[in-house]
Amino acid sequence: MQPTTVQILATVLFLLAVIHTFAVKRFAHWAHQYPQGSIPENFLHFLAETEVVFGLWAAALFAGMAVVNRSVESAVDYIEGLNFTEPKFVLVVMVVAATRPVVLLAEGILNGIARQLPLPAGLAFYATALAVGPLLGSLITEPAAMTLLAIVLKRRYFDQQISQRLAYATLGLLFVNVSIGGTLTHFAAPPVLMVAKTWGWTT
């Protein structure tokens, strides 16, 4: 099956969006080379905002679809035909998971478990957060568990000026563990739902 022009365009723009994501620090560096308040400085600072990256390239995709199809209406129809229920749900649970009461509750639970381990307090909490914490992915969805545990680990370790290598290794291990922990229930791991029908999995 040959990919359509729009599919090729979407793939290219997605790749550019990923590259842009990793280049935001470079844009911020370039922005500082211009006078404060100038148009180039403001524009480069805008490009350096991680939050706008995918929105910016999504707008480029919309414009590209309109050009390829020679119709703005077709691009609008495509957008209106999408179902944003799941992304909205994920956004809500991530926001709730990042609130102070939820973070403190999770930290308290992990602390209680960590105290039962015959390890130094710091190491016990670290091991608990990376081993037990990811199981939350099956209860509050994987994105929420990642958000919650990342905040907890930041408060406990990242803010203590640990080595950059350990910080990245911790985040990598956290993401892998949460991805595994989120597969214990059928609703918490969107990637599982994507392949469940194809692979004949049932709940």
Protein backbone atom coordinates (compact mmCIF):
# COMPACT_ATOMS: atom_id res chain seq x y z
CA MET A 1 0.00 0.00 0.00
CA GLN A 2 1.47 3.29 -1.12
CA PRO A 3 1.44 6.12 1.43
CA THR A 4 -0.55 9.16 0.43
CA THR A 5 0.95 12.60 0.04
CA VAL A 6 -0.69 13.72 3.27
CA GLN A 7 0.74 10.73 5.14
CA ILE A 8 4.23 11.48 3.86
CA LEU A 9 3.78 15.14 4.80
CA ALA A 10 2.60 14.18 8.29
CA THR A 11 5.59 11.87 8.77
CA VAL A 12 8.07 14.54 7.70
CA LEU A 13 6.46 17.18 9.92
CA PHE A 14 6.42 14.79 12.87
CA LEU A 15 10.14 14.16 12.37
CA LEU A 16 10.75 17.91 12.26
CA ALA A 17 8.71 18.33 15.43
CA VAL A 18 10.86 15.75 17.22
CA ILE A 19 14.04 17.48 16.02
CA HIS A 20 12.59 20.82 17.12
CA THR A 21 11.89 19.37 20.57
CA PHE A 22 15.54 18.47 21.04
CA ALA A 23 16.67 21.81 19.61
CA VAL A 24 14.73 24.14 21.93
CA LYS A 25 17.83 24.79 24.02
CA ARG A 26 19.67 25.86 20.89
CA PHE A 27 16.88 28.28 19.98
CA ALA A 28 17.09 29.78 23.47
CA HIS A 29 20.85 30.21 23.04
CA TRP A 30 20.36 31.96 19.70
CA ALA A 31 17.70 34.23 21.21
CA HIS A 32 20.22 35.62 23.69
CA GLN A 33 22.38 36.84 20.82
CA TYR A 34 19.80 39.49 19.89
CA PRO A 35 18.78 42.64 21.78
CA GLN A 36 16.14 41.99 24.41
CA GLY A 37 12.68 42.82 23.14
CA SER A 38 13.67 42.65 19.48
CA ILE A 39 11.58 40.66 17.01
CA PRO A 40 14.27 37.98 16.40
CA GLU A 41 14.76 37.56 20.16
CA ASN A 42 11.04 37.16 20.80
CA PHE A 43 10.59 34.82 17.84
CA LEU A 44 13.48 32.56 18.88
CA HIS A 45 12.25 32.52 22.47
CA PHE A 46 8.86 31.46 21.13
CA LEU A 47 10.49 28.59 19.23
CA ALA A 48 12.38 27.67 22.40
CA GLU A 49 9.15 26.98 24.30
CA THR A 50 8.71 23.22 24.44
CA GLU A 51 4.97 23.61 24.98
CA VAL A 52 4.41 25.14 21.54
CA VAL A 53 6.45 22.67 19.49
CA PHE A 54 3.81 20.13 18.53
CA GLY A 55 1.06 22.73 18.34
CA LEU A 56 3.21 24.68 15.90
CA TRP A 57 3.89 21.67 13.69
CA ALA A 58 0.27 20.55 13.94
CA ALA A 59 -0.67 23.94 12.50
CA ALA A 60 1.89 23.35 9.75
CA LEU A 61 0.25 19.98 9.04
CA PHE A 62 -3.16 21.64 8.84
CA ALA A 63 -1.83 24.20 6.38
CA GLY A 64 -0.06 21.49 4.40
CA MET A 65 -3.22 19.40 4.15
CA ALA A 66 -5.13 22.43 2.92
CA VAL A 67 -2.50 23.05 0.24
CA VAL A 68 -2.23 19.40 -0.84
CA ASN A 69 -5.99 18.96 -1.05
CA ARG A 70 -6.48 22.49 -2.36
CA SER A 71 -9.25 22.92 0.16
CA VAL A 72 -9.30 24.39 3.64
CA GLU A 73 -12.64 22.67 4.20
CA SER A 74 -11.08 19.22 3.78
CA ALA A 75 -8.47 20.03 6.42
CA VAL A 76 -11.16 21.32 8.76
CA ASP A 77 -13.27 18.20 8.16
CA TYR A 78 -10.28 16.02 9.00
CA ILE A 79 -9.64 17.82 12.29
CA GLU A 80 -13.32 17.77 13.23
CA GLY A 81 -13.46 14.06 12.47
CA LEU A 82 -10.80 13.22 15.05
CA ASN A 83 -11.70 11.95 18.51
CA PHE A 84 -9.84 13.85 21.22
CA THR A 85 -11.51 12.11 24.17
CA GLU A 86 -8.46 10.08 25.15
CA PRO A 87 -5.92 12.94 24.89
CA LYS A 88 -8.22 15.12 27.00
CA PHE A 89 -8.57 12.36 29.57
CA VAL A 90 -4.80 11.86 29.72
CA LEU A 91 -4.29 15.61 30.15
CA VAL A 92 -6.76 15.73 33.03
CA VAL A 93 -5.27 12.77 34.91
CA MET A 94 -1.75 14.15 34.45
CA VAL A 95 -2.80 17.52 35.85
CA VAL A 96 -4.55 15.88 38.80
CA ALA A 97 -1.57 13.59 39.42
CA ALA A 98 0.72 16.61 39.63
CA THR A 99 -1.30 18.34 42.36
CA ARG A 100 0.27 18.66 45.80
CA PRO A 101 -2.22 16.44 47.72
CA VAL A 102 -1.76 13.56 45.29
CA VAL A 103 2.03 13.92 45.27
CA LEU A 104 2.17 13.98 49.08
CA LEU A 105 -0.16 10.97 49.32
CA ALA A 106 1.93 8.95 46.88
CA GLU A 107 5.12 9.98 48.63
CA GLY A 108 3.66 8.90 51.97
CA ILE A 109 2.65 5.49 50.61
CA LEU A 110 6.06 4.93 49.05
CA ASN A 111 7.71 6.03 52.29
CA GLY A 112 5.70 3.50 54.25
CA ILE A 113 6.77 0.69 51.93
CA ALA A 114 10.38 1.87 51.84
CA ARG A 115 10.65 1.70 55.63
CA GLN A 116 10.06 -2.04 55.46
CA LEU A 117 13.17 -2.59 53.35
CA PRO A 118 16.49 -3.39 55.07
CA LEU A 119 18.25 -0.61 53.17
CA PRO A 120 19.41 2.94 53.89
CA ALA A 121 16.46 5.35 53.75
CA GLY A 122 17.50 7.09 50.53
CA LEU A 123 18.24 3.87 48.67
CA ALA A 124 15.08 2.19 49.99
CA PHE A 125 12.85 5.01 48.75
CA TYR A 126 14.65 5.08 45.39
CA ALA A 127 14.14 1.34 44.90
CA THR A 128 10.52 1.53 46.02
CA ALA A 129 9.73 4.43 43.71
CA LEU A 130 11.16 2.58 40.71
CA ALA A 131 9.81 -0.88 41.58
CA VAL A 132 6.48 -0.33 43.33
CA GLY A 133 5.59 3.12 42.02
CA PRO A 134 5.22 2.01 38.39
CA LEU A 135 2.38 -0.29 39.43
CA LEU A 136 0.34 2.88 39.82
CA GLY A 137 0.29 2.92 36.03
CA SER A 138 -2.34 0.20 36.15
CA LEU A 139 -4.58 2.29 38.39
CA ILE A 140 -4.21 5.91 37.32
CA THR A 141 -2.90 5.36 33.75
CA GLU A 142 0.71 5.34 32.66
CA PRO A 143 1.03 9.08 31.86
CA ALA A 144 -0.29 10.00 35.30
CA ALA A 145 2.05 7.54 37.02
CA MET A 146 5.03 8.89 35.07
CA THR A 147 4.12 12.46 35.98
CA LEU A 148 3.59 11.64 39.64
CA LEU A 149 6.75 9.58 40.09
CA ALA A 150 8.88 12.06 38.16
CA ILE A 151 7.76 14.82 40.53
CA VAL A 152 8.42 12.65 43.59
CA LEU A 153 11.88 11.68 42.33
CA LYS A 154 12.64 15.29 41.48
CA ARG A 155 11.84 16.39 45.02
CA ARG A 156 13.87 13.59 46.56
CA TYR A 157 16.86 13.25 44.25
CA PHE A 158 17.03 15.50 41.19
CA ASP A 159 16.88 18.66 43.32
CA GLN A 160 19.83 17.32 45.33
CA GLN A 161 22.19 17.84 42.39
CA ILE A 162 22.70 14.18 41.56
CA SER A 163 24.83 13.41 38.51
CA GLN A 164 23.26 14.02 35.12
CA ARG A 165 24.00 10.45 34.08
CA LEU A 166 22.14 9.05 37.09
CA ALA A 167 19.23 11.42 36.48
CA TYR A 168 18.80 10.32 32.87
CA ALA A 169 19.24 6.66 33.78
CA THR A 170 16.59 7.03 36.48
CA LEU A 171 14.10 8.62 34.09
CA GLY A 172 14.77 5.97 31.46
CA LEU A 173 14.25 3.17 33.97
CA LEU A 174 11.14 4.89 35.30
CA PHE A 175 9.55 5.11 31.85
CA VAL A 176 10.30 1.46 31.10
CA ASN A 177 8.99 0.28 34.46
CA VAL A 178 5.81 2.35 34.23
CA SER A 179 5.19 1.00 30.73
CA ILE A 180 5.39 -2.52 32.15
CA GLY A 181 3.43 -1.72 35.30
CA GLY A 182 0.61 -0.18 33.30
CA THR A 183 -0.21 -3.43 31.51
CA LEU A 184 -1.86 -5.04 34.53
CA THR A 185 -5.21 -3.46 33.66
CA HIS A 186 -6.84 -3.05 30.27
CA PHE A 187 -7.66 0.65 30.53
CA ALA A 188 -4.39 2.14 31.72
CA ALA A 189 -2.05 1.43 28.81
CA PRO A 190 -3.17 2.95 25.48
CA PRO A 191 -0.44 1.09 23.50
CA VAL A 192 -1.89 -2.22 24.72
CA LEU A 193 -5.34 -1.21 23.51
CA MET A 194 -3.89 -0.35 20.11
CA VAL A 195 -2.59 -3.88 19.53
CA ALA A 196 -5.17 -5.85 21.53
CA LYS A 197 -7.63 -6.27 18.67
CA THR A 198 -4.92 -7.05 16.12
CA TRP A 199 -3.32 -9.67 18.35
CA GLY A 200 -6.62 -11.12 19.53
CA TRP A 201 -6.19 -10.15 23.17
CA THR A 202 -9.26 -9.99 25.41
CA THR A 203 -9.81 -8.52 28.86
